[in-house]
Structure formats: structure tokens, C-alpha cells
Amino acid sequence: MAKVCQVTGRKRMVGNNVSHSKRRTKRVFALNLKTKKFWSEAEQRFITLKVSCKGIRNIEKNGLDAVVKDAQKKGYVGLV
């Protein structure tokens, strides 16, 4: 599976390393992804998601069911 957050849809970014002499080389800004299990009250089961830390904070704030429903509407989650 690709390194994409299933809640926010965030992916890795590409940029430049810039040396002291201003020489630029390509680099990748990796995403802080975690594979985490969440308990769903609506379905009475655990749901495993690959989420960024921003996605985890979003789930803590708004609740799992609301966040997953919104992510499905946007097309980020297809498994739940």
C-alpha cells in the first residue's frame, strides 16, 4: 500500500536539499505515518487505518465514525 494517510489524504512531498553553496539536489519529505487500530462504536469492531499524526488528532477531536465517513466521501478510505 502507498504511503498515504487514509484520513487526510496527505502524501509525501518532493523538494530540494540546499547546500551552503546553494547547490540543489532532489529530496523527499516523508510523511509521519502510523498503523493504528481504532474502536468503532457504530460497528462494534476495531478498524485498522494507516494515518498520519495529524489524522490521529483529527480522529481524537471529531470521533472515528465522523472522520471515516468524511474520508470515504472524499475518496481517501475505501476499505471500511
Protein backbone atom coordinates (compact mmCIF):
# COMPACT_ATOMS: atom_id res chain seq x y z
CA MET A 1 0.00 0.00 0.00
CA ALA A 2 1.23 3.51 -0.78
CA LYS A 3 2.40 5.90 1.89
CA VAL A 4 -0.79 7.95 2.01
CA CYS A 5 -2.84 8.89 5.06
CA GLN A 6 -6.26 7.23 4.84
CA VAL A 7 -7.91 10.03 6.82
CA THR A 8 -6.42 13.26 5.46
CA GLY A 9 -5.12 12.08 2.08
CA ARG A 10 -1.69 13.57 2.71
CA LYS A 11 1.26 12.19 0.70
CA ARG A 12 4.97 12.69 0.63
CA MET A 13 6.30 15.92 -0.84
CA VAL A 14 9.29 16.43 -3.12
CA GLY A 15 11.68 19.31 -2.63
CA ASN A 16 15.33 20.25 -2.66
CA ASN A 17 18.30 19.84 -0.35
CA VAL A 18 20.10 23.18 -0.48
CA SER A 19 23.76 23.15 0.44
CA HIS A 20 25.78 26.09 1.78
CA SER A 21 26.87 26.88 -1.79
CA LYS A 22 23.18 26.90 -2.85
CA ARG A 23 23.55 23.71 -4.88
CA ARG A 24 20.18 21.92 -5.10
CA THR A 25 19.55 18.18 -5.14
CA LYS A 26 16.18 16.43 -5.01
CA ARG A 27 14.90 15.02 -1.73
CA VAL A 28 11.68 13.62 -0.30
CA PHE A 29 9.79 14.95 2.70
CA ALA A 30 8.43 11.74 4.23
CA LEU A 31 5.08 11.54 5.98
CA ASN A 32 4.78 10.61 9.65
CA LEU A 33 2.52 7.56 9.17
CA LYS A 34 1.40 5.14 11.85
CA THR A 35 -0.64 1.95 11.50
CA LYS A 36 -3.18 2.16 14.29
CA LYS A 37 -6.30 0.31 15.41
CA PHE A 38 -9.35 2.34 16.41
CA TRP A 39 -12.53 1.09 18.08
CA SER A 40 -15.68 1.86 16.10
CA GLU A 41 -18.77 2.24 18.29
CA ALA A 42 -21.12 2.10 15.30
CA GLU A 43 -19.76 -1.23 14.00
CA GLN A 44 -18.62 -2.67 17.37
CA ARG A 45 -15.22 -3.70 15.98
CA PHE A 46 -11.65 -2.49 15.57
CA ILE A 47 -10.71 -0.68 12.37
CA THR A 48 -7.06 -0.60 11.32
CA LEU A 49 -6.02 2.56 9.50
CA LYS A 50 -2.73 3.92 8.17
CA VAL A 51 -2.90 7.50 9.47
CA SER A 52 -0.62 10.49 9.92
CA CYS A 53 -0.29 12.10 13.33
CA LYS A 54 -2.49 14.95 12.09
CA GLY A 55 -5.11 12.33 11.20
CA ILE A 56 -4.91 10.81 14.68
CA ARG A 57 -5.52 14.23 16.22
CA ASN A 58 -8.45 14.72 13.85
CA ILE A 59 -9.97 11.39 14.97
CA GLU A 60 -9.49 12.30 18.65
CA LYS A 61 -11.25 15.64 18.11
CA ASN A 62 -14.18 14.67 15.86
CA GLY A 63 -14.68 10.94 16.51
CA LEU A 64 -13.81 7.94 14.34
CA ASP A 65 -17.15 7.43 12.64
CA ALA A 66 -17.50 11.05 11.51
CA VAL A 67 -13.91 11.20 10.23
CA VAL A 68 -14.14 7.89 8.33
CA LYS A 69 -17.45 8.94 6.77
CA ASP A 70 -15.89 12.23 5.60
CA ALA A 71 -12.78 10.42 4.29
CA GLN A 72 -14.95 7.99 2.31
CA LYS A 73 -16.84 10.91 0.79
CA LYS A 74 -13.54 12.46 -0.32
CA GLY A 75 -12.27 9.09 -1.61
CA TYR A 76 -9.38 8.55 0.82
CA VAL A 77 -10.74 5.38 2.51
CA GLY A 78 -12.24 2.54 0.56
CA LEU A 79 -11.93 -0.37 2.97
CA VAL A 80 -14.31 0.49 5.82
